[in-house]
Amino acid sequence: MAKEKEGNSNVNRIKAVLADKMKTNKWLAEELGVAPTTVSKWCTNGSQPPLETLVKIAKALDCEIGDLVRMD
């Protein structure tokens, strides 16, 4: 079971990209019109944003979608 959780623990890199861009979860939540708790869940990989939202996140952070998703 721990291995299963571990495999899903780093699906996205939203937290890392926010840090690189020196932006906060609260800022991203305001940009997207979502609750800060929603962004927090994405940043901790507790849940994943839908593809449409990933596109919006990439635009807000001026990065590529590939920068936000871990492919390994």
PDB file of N, CA and C in Angstrom:
ATOM      1  N   MET A   1       0.826  -1.203   0.000  1.00  0.00           N
ATOM      2  CA  MET A   1       0.000   0.000   0.000  1.00  0.00           C
ATOM      3  C   MET A   1       0.866   1.261   0.000  1.00  0.00           C
ATOM      4  N   ALA A   2       1.925   1.273   0.777  1.00  0.00           N
ATOM      5  CA  ALA A   2       2.789   2.452   0.822  1.00  0.00           C
ATOM      6  C   ALA A   2       3.396   2.732  -0.548  1.00  0.00           C
ATOM      7  N   LYS A   3       3.747   1.665  -1.254  1.00  0.00           N
ATOM      8  CA  LYS A   3       4.315   1.832  -2.584  1.00  0.00           C
ATOM      9  C   LYS A   3       3.320   2.481  -3.534  1.00  0.00           C
ATOM     10  N   GLU A   4       2.062   2.077  -3.438  1.00  0.00           N
ATOM     11  CA  GLU A   4       1.006   2.656  -4.274  1.00  0.00           C
ATOM     12  C   GLU A   4       0.889   4.151  -4.003  1.00  0.00           C
ATOM     13  N   LYS A   5       0.873   4.533  -2.739  1.00  0.00           N
ATOM     14  CA  LYS A   5       0.792   5.946  -2.365  1.00  0.00           C
ATOM     15  C   LYS A   5       2.025   6.693  -2.861  1.00  0.00           C
ATOM     16  N   GLU A   6       3.181   6.080  -2.704  1.00  0.00           N
ATOM     17  CA  GLU A   6       4.429   6.704  -3.124  1.00  0.00           C
ATOM     18  C   GLU A   6       4.422   6.993  -4.623  1.00  0.00           C
ATOM     19  N   GLY A   7       3.882   6.086  -5.403  1.00  0.00           N
ATOM     20  CA  GLY A   7       3.823   6.259  -6.838  1.00  0.00           C
ATOM     21  C   GLY A   7       2.964   7.435  -7.258  1.00  0.00           C
ATOM     22  N   ASN A   8       1.983   7.771  -6.461  1.00  0.00           N
ATOM     23  CA  ASN A   8       1.080   8.873  -6.779  1.00  0.00           C
ATOM     24  C   ASN A   8       1.450  10.164  -6.055  1.00  0.00           C
ATOM     25  N   SER A   9       2.530  10.136  -5.285  1.00  0.00           N
ATOM     26  CA  SER A   9       2.803  11.274  -4.415  1.00  0.00           C
ATOM     27  C   SER A   9       3.341  12.497  -5.147  1.00  0.00           C
ATOM     28  N   ASN A  10       3.910  12.328  -6.323  1.00  0.00           N
ATOM     29  CA  ASN A  10       4.502  13.469  -7.011  1.00  0.00           C
ATOM     30  C   ASN A  10       4.034  13.552  -8.454  1.00  0.00           C
ATOM     31  N   VAL A  11       2.743  13.525  -8.661  1.00  0.00           N
ATOM     32  CA  VAL A  11       2.199  13.545 -10.013  1.00  0.00           C
ATOM     33  C   VAL A  11       2.405  14.907 -10.665  1.00  0.00           C
ATOM     34  N   ASN A  12       2.220  15.965  -9.913  1.00  0.00           N
ATOM     35  CA  ASN A  12       2.411  17.292 -10.501  1.00  0.00           C
ATOM     36  C   ASN A  12       3.509  18.062  -9.775  1.00  0.00           C
ATOM     37  N   ARG A  13       3.979  19.113 -10.417  1.00  0.00           N
ATOM     38  CA  ARG A  13       5.055  19.954  -9.903  1.00  0.00           C
ATOM     39  C   ARG A  13       4.567  21.382  -9.660  1.00  0.00           C
ATOM     40  N   ILE A  14       3.288  21.540  -9.398  1.00  0.00           N
ATOM     41  CA  ILE A  14       2.727  22.887  -9.227  1.00  0.00           C
ATOM     42  C   ILE A  14       3.446  23.626  -8.099  1.00  0.00           C
ATOM     43  N   LYS A  15       3.671  22.956  -6.983  1.00  0.00           N
ATOM     44  CA  LYS A  15       4.337  23.599  -5.849  1.00  0.00           C
ATOM     45  C   LYS A  15       5.729  24.085  -6.239  1.00  0.00           C
ATOM     46  N   ALA A  16       6.485  23.263  -6.963  1.00  0.00           N
ATOM     47  CA  ALA A  16       7.843  23.627  -7.366  1.00  0.00           C
ATOM     48  C   ALA A  16       7.830  24.813  -8.336  1.00  0.00           C
ATOM     49  N   VAL A  17       6.899  24.808  -9.273  1.00  0.00           N
ATOM     50  CA  VAL A  17       6.837  25.904 -10.244  1.00  0.00           C
ATOM     51  C   VAL A  17       6.399  27.200  -9.550  1.00  0.00           C
ATOM     52  N   LEU A  18       5.462  27.102  -8.627  1.00  0.00           N
ATOM     53  CA  LEU A  18       5.076  28.293  -7.855  1.00  0.00           C
ATOM     54  C   LEU A  18       6.293  28.872  -7.140  1.00  0.00           C
ATOM     55  N   ALA A  19       7.086  28.013  -6.534  1.00  0.00           N
ATOM     56  CA  ALA A  19       8.281  28.474  -5.812  1.00  0.00           C
ATOM     57  C   ALA A  19       9.272  29.106  -6.787  1.00  0.00           C
ATOM     58  N   ASP A  20       9.480  28.467  -7.938  1.00  0.00           N
ATOM     59  CA  ASP A  20      10.402  29.018  -8.940  1.00  0.00           C
ATOM     60  C   ASP A  20       9.961  30.405  -9.406  1.00  0.00           C
ATOM     61  N   LYS A  21       8.657  30.593  -9.532  1.00  0.00           N
ATOM     62  CA  LYS A  21       8.105  31.872 -10.009  1.00  0.00           C
ATOM     63  C   LYS A  21       7.870  32.861  -8.868  1.00  0.00           C
ATOM     64  N   MET A  22       8.188  32.427  -7.641  1.00  0.00           N
ATOM     65  CA  MET A  22       7.993  33.240  -6.437  1.00  0.00           C
ATOM     66  C   MET A  22       6.546  33.699  -6.289  1.00  0.00           C
ATOM     67  N   LYS A  23       5.633  32.752  -6.487  1.00  0.00           N
ATOM     68  CA  LYS A  23       4.203  32.998  -6.340  1.00  0.00           C
ATOM     69  C   LYS A  23       3.674  32.115  -5.210  1.00  0.00           C
ATOM     70  N   THR A  24       2.540  32.507  -4.642  1.00  0.00           N
ATOM     71  CA  THR A  24       1.961  31.754  -3.528  1.00  0.00           C
ATOM     72  C   THR A  24       0.735  30.971  -3.974  1.00  0.00           C
ATOM     73  N   ASN A  25       0.359  30.015  -3.143  1.00  0.00           N
ATOM     74  CA  ASN A  25      -0.878  29.268  -3.376  1.00  0.00           C
ATOM     75  C   ASN A  25      -2.059  30.229  -3.439  1.00  0.00           C
ATOM     76  N   LYS A  26      -2.052  31.202  -2.534  1.00  0.00           N
ATOM     77  CA  LYS A  26      -3.159  32.165  -2.478  1.00  0.00           C
ATOM     78  C   LYS A  26      -3.247  32.957  -3.784  1.00  0.00           C
ATOM     79  N   TRP A  27      -2.109  33.379  -4.305  1.00  0.00           N
ATOM     80  CA  TRP A  27      -2.085  34.107  -5.574  1.00  0.00           C
ATOM     81  C   TRP A  27      -2.689  33.259  -6.684  1.00  0.00           C
ATOM     82  N   LEU A  28      -2.271  31.990  -6.776  1.00  0.00           N
ATOM     83  CA  LEU A  28      -2.783  31.108  -7.820  1.00  0.00           C
ATOM     84  C   LEU A  28      -4.280  30.885  -7.651  1.00  0.00           C
ATOM     85  N   ALA A  29      -4.736  30.712  -6.433  1.00  0.00           N
ATOM     86  CA  ALA A  29      -6.166  30.524  -6.170  1.00  0.00           C
ATOM     87  C   ALA A  29      -6.960  31.732  -6.669  1.00  0.00           C
ATOM     88  N   GLU A  30      -6.453  32.931  -6.408  1.00  0.00           N
ATOM     89  CA  GLU A  30      -7.132  34.147  -6.859  1.00  0.00           C
ATOM     90  C   GLU A  30      -7.125  34.245  -8.384  1.00  0.00           C
ATOM     91  N   GLU A  31      -6.008  33.888  -9.014  1.00  0.00           N
ATOM     92  CA  GLU A  31      -5.909  33.924 -10.477  1.00  0.00           C
ATOM     93  C   GLU A  31      -6.916  32.985 -11.137  1.00  0.00           C
ATOM     94  N   LEU A  32      -7.129  31.830 -10.500  1.00  0.00           N
ATOM     95  CA  LEU A  32      -8.001  30.804 -11.086  1.00  0.00           C
ATOM     96  C   LEU A  32      -9.442  30.882 -10.596  1.00  0.00           C
ATOM     97  N   GLY A  33      -9.673  31.658  -9.548  1.00  0.00           N
ATOM     98  CA  GLY A  33     -11.017  31.747  -8.985  1.00  0.00           C
ATOM     99  C   GLY A  33     -11.430  30.477  -8.252  1.00  0.00           C
ATOM    100  N   VAL A  34     -10.447  29.855  -7.577  1.00  0.00           N
ATOM    101  CA  VAL A  34     -10.738  28.653  -6.799  1.00  0.00           C
ATOM    102  C   VAL A  34     -10.346  28.892  -5.345  1.00  0.00           C
ATOM    103  N   ALA A  35     -10.767  27.999  -4.482  1.00  0.00           N
ATOM    104  CA  ALA A  35     -10.444  28.132  -3.062  1.00  0.00           C
ATOM    105  C   ALA A  35      -8.957  27.843  -2.824  1.00  0.00           C
ATOM    106  N   PRO A  36      -8.333  28.568  -1.908  1.00  0.00           N
ATOM    107  CA  PRO A  36      -6.936  28.286  -1.570  1.00  0.00           C
ATOM    108  C   PRO A  36      -6.715  26.843  -1.130  1.00  0.00           C
ATOM    109  N   THR A  37      -7.716  26.247  -0.505  1.00  0.00           N
ATOM    110  CA  THR A  37      -7.572  24.849  -0.083  1.00  0.00           C
ATOM    111  C   THR A  37      -7.466  23.912  -1.282  1.00  0.00           C
ATOM    112  N   THR A  38      -8.117  24.281  -2.379  1.00  0.00           N
ATOM    113  CA  THR A  38      -8.028  23.471  -3.603  1.00  0.00           C
ATOM    114  C   THR A  38      -6.604  23.502  -4.137  1.00  0.00           C
ATOM    115  N   VAL A  39      -6.010  24.688  -4.202  1.00  0.00           N
ATOM    116  CA  VAL A  39      -4.632  24.810  -4.676  1.00  0.00           C
ATOM    117  C   VAL A  39      -3.694  24.061  -3.741  1.00  0.00           C
ATOM    118  N   SER A  40      -3.945  24.136  -2.449  1.00  0.00           N
ATOM    119  CA  SER A  40      -3.125  23.422  -1.478  1.00  0.00           C
ATOM    120  C   SER A  40      -3.146  21.914  -1.739  1.00  0.00           C
ATOM    121  N   LYS A  41      -4.321  21.381  -2.043  1.00  0.00           N
ATOM    122  CA  LYS A  41      -4.432  19.940  -2.339  1.00  0.00           C
ATOM    123  C   LYS A  41      -3.659  19.580  -3.599  1.00  0.00           C
ATOM    124  N   TRP A  42      -3.678  20.464  -4.592  1.00  0.00           N
ATOM    125  CA  TRP A  42      -2.898  20.216  -5.810  1.00  0.00           C
ATOM    126  C   TRP A  42      -1.406  20.244  -5.488  1.00  0.00           C
ATOM    127  N   CYS A  43      -0.979  21.205  -4.671  1.00  0.00           N
ATOM    128  CA  CYS A  43       0.440  21.357  -4.355  1.00  0.00           C
ATOM    129  C   CYS A  43       0.989  20.200  -3.525  1.00  0.00           C
ATOM    130  N   THR A  44       0.143  19.576  -2.748  1.00  0.00           N
ATOM    131  CA  THR A  44       0.576  18.426  -1.946  1.00  0.00           C
ATOM    132  C   THR A  44       0.259  17.115  -2.656  1.00  0.00           C
ATOM    133  N   ASN A  45      -0.272  17.211  -3.872  1.00  0.00           N
ATOM    134  CA  ASN A  45      -0.656  16.052  -4.668  1.00  0.00           C
ATOM    135  C   ASN A  45      -1.736  15.219  -3.974  1.00  0.00           C
ATOM    136  N   GLY A  46      -2.524  15.883  -3.133  1.00  0.00           N
ATOM    137  CA  GLY A  46      -3.666  15.210  -2.507  1.00  0.00           C
ATOM    138  C   GLY A  46      -4.772  14.989  -3.523  1.00  0.00           C
ATOM    139  N   SER A  47      -4.826  15.860  -4.523  1.00  0.00           N
ATOM    140  CA  SER A  47      -5.742  15.708  -5.657  1.00  0.00           C
ATOM    141  C   SER A  47      -5.069  16.362  -6.859  1.00  0.00           C
ATOM    142  N   GLN A  48      -5.605  16.086  -8.027  1.00  0.00           N
ATOM    143  CA  GLN A  48      -5.015  16.615  -9.257  1.00  0.00           C
ATOM    144  C   GLN A  48      -6.019  17.512  -9.974  1.00  0.00           C
ATOM    145  N   PRO A  49      -5.540  18.613 -10.522  1.00  0.00           N
ATOM    146  CA  PRO A  49      -6.447  19.483 -11.277  1.00  0.00           C
ATOM    147  C   PRO A  49      -6.797  18.837 -12.616  1.00  0.00           C
ATOM    148  N   PRO A  50      -7.984  19.119 -13.134  1.00  0.00           N
ATOM    149  CA  PRO A  50      -8.325  18.624 -14.466  1.00  0.00           C
ATOM    150  C   PRO A  50      -7.417  19.267 -15.517  1.00  0.00           C
ATOM    151  N   LEU A  51      -7.325  18.639 -16.676  1.00  0.00           N
ATOM    152  CA  LEU A  51      -6.455  19.128 -17.749  1.00  0.00           C
ATOM    153  C   LEU A  51      -6.759  20.582 -18.103  1.00  0.00           C
ATOM    154  N   GLU A  52      -8.030  20.928 -18.180  1.00  0.00           N
ATOM    155  CA  GLU A  52      -8.421  22.310 -18.491  1.00  0.00           C
ATOM    156  C   GLU A  52      -7.826  23.287 -17.476  1.00  0.00           C
ATOM    157  N   THR A  53      -7.816  22.894 -16.220  1.00  0.00           N
ATOM    158  CA  THR A  53      -7.258  23.747 -15.170  1.00  0.00           C
ATOM    159  C   THR A  53      -5.739  23.803 -15.271  1.00  0.00           C
ATOM    160  N   LEU A  54      -5.111  22.691 -15.640  1.00  0.00           N
ATOM    161  CA  LEU A  54      -3.657  22.699 -15.841  1.00  0.00           C
ATOM    162  C   LEU A  54      -3.270  23.718 -16.913  1.00  0.00           C
ATOM    163  N   VAL A  55      -4.079  23.812 -17.947  1.00  0.00           N
ATOM    164  CA  VAL A  55      -3.829  24.798 -18.999  1.00  0.00           C
ATOM    165  C   VAL A  55      -3.888  26.206 -18.403  1.00  0.00           C
ATOM    166  N   LYS A  56      -4.886  26.470 -17.577  1.00  0.00           N
ATOM    167  CA  LYS A  56      -5.017  27.788 -16.940  1.00  0.00           C
ATOM    168  C   LYS A  56      -3.856  28.071 -15.993  1.00  0.00           C
ATOM    169  N   ILE A  57      -3.424  27.038 -15.261  1.00  0.00           N
ATOM    170  CA  ILE A  57      -2.289  27.202 -14.350  1.00  0.00           C
ATOM    171  C   ILE A  57      -1.032  27.551 -15.140  1.00  0.00           C
ATOM    172  N   ALA A  58      -0.812  26.842 -16.239  1.00  0.00           N
ATOM    173  CA  ALA A  58       0.362  27.111 -17.078  1.00  0.00           C
ATOM    174  C   ALA A  58       0.339  28.545 -17.600  1.00  0.00           C
ATOM    175  N   LYS A  59      -0.823  29.001 -18.028  1.00  0.00           N
ATOM    176  CA  LYS A  59      -0.929  30.383 -18.516  1.00  0.00           C
ATOM    177  C   LYS A  59      -0.654  31.383 -17.399  1.00  0.00           C
ATOM    178  N   ALA A  60      -1.229  31.128 -16.223  1.00  0.00           N
ATOM    179  CA  ALA A  60      -1.044  32.044 -15.098  1.00  0.00           C
ATOM    180  C   ALA A  60       0.425  32.108 -14.673  1.00  0.00           C
ATOM    181  N   LEU A  61       1.112  30.976 -14.747  1.00  0.00           N
ATOM    182  CA  LEU A  61       2.508  30.916 -14.318  1.00  0.00           C
ATOM    183  C   LEU A  61       3.495  31.130 -15.470  1.00  0.00           C
ATOM    184  N   ASP A  62       2.943  31.386 -16.659  1.00  0.00           N
ATOM    185  CA  ASP A  62       3.786  31.617 -17.837  1.00  0.00           C
ATOM    186  C   ASP A  62       4.803  30.491 -18.015  1.00  0.00           C
ATOM    187  N   CYS A  63       4.268  29.257 -18.077  1.00  0.00           N
ATOM    188  CA  CYS A  63       5.116  28.089 -18.278  1.00  0.00           C
ATOM    189  C   CYS A  63       4.382  27.098 -19.173  1.00  0.00           C
ATOM    190  N   GLU A  64       5.056  26.023 -19.519  1.00  0.00           N
ATOM    191  CA  GLU A  64       4.461  24.972 -20.325  1.00  0.00           C
ATOM    192  C   GLU A  64       3.744  23.967 -19.415  1.00  0.00           C
ATOM    193  N   ILE A  65       2.725  23.315 -19.931  1.00  0.00           N
ATOM    194  CA  ILE A  65       2.029  22.294 -19.149  1.00  0.00           C
ATOM    195  C   ILE A  65       3.029  21.210 -18.723  1.00  0.00           C
ATOM    196  N   GLY A  66       3.960  20.892 -19.605  1.00  0.00           N
ATOM    197  CA  GLY A  66       4.971  19.884 -19.280  1.00  0.00           C
ATOM    198  C   GLY A  66       5.812  20.238 -18.060  1.00  0.00           C
ATOM    199  N   ASP A  67       5.944  21.529 -17.763  1.00  0.00           N
ATOM    200  CA  ASP A  67       6.670  21.955 -16.570  1.00  0.00           C
ATOM    201  C   ASP A  67       5.907  21.610 -15.294  1.00  0.00           C
ATOM    202  N   LEU A  68       4.591  21.428 -15.428  1.00  0.00           N
ATOM    203  CA  LEU A  68       3.734  21.203 -14.264  1.00  0.00           C
ATOM    204  C   LEU A  68       3.485  19.723 -13.965  1.00  0.00           C
ATOM    205  N   VAL A  69       3.860  18.851 -14.899  1.00  0.00           N
ATOM    206  CA  VAL A  69       3.522  17.433 -14.773  1.00  0.00           C
ATOM    207  C   VAL A  69       4.788  16.589 -14.737  1.00  0.00           C
ATOM    208  N   ARG A  70       4.858  15.710 -13.772  1.00  0.00           N
ATOM    209  CA  ARG A  70       5.997  14.792 -13.670  1.00  0.00           C
ATOM    210  C   ARG A  70       5.702  13.589 -14.554  1.00  0.00           C
ATOM    211  N   MET A  71       6.602  13.293 -15.470  1.00  0.00           N
ATOM    212  CA  MET A  71       6.356  12.249 -16.466  1.00  0.00           C
ATOM    213  C   MET A  71       7.006  10.908 -16.131  1.00  0.00           C
ATOM    214  N   ASP A  72       7.701  10.776 -15.017  1.00  0.00           N
ATOM    215  CA  ASP A  72       8.374   9.512 -14.731  1.00  0.00           C
ATOM    216  C   ASP A  72       7.613   8.594 -13.850  1.00  0.00           C
TER     217      ASP A  72
END
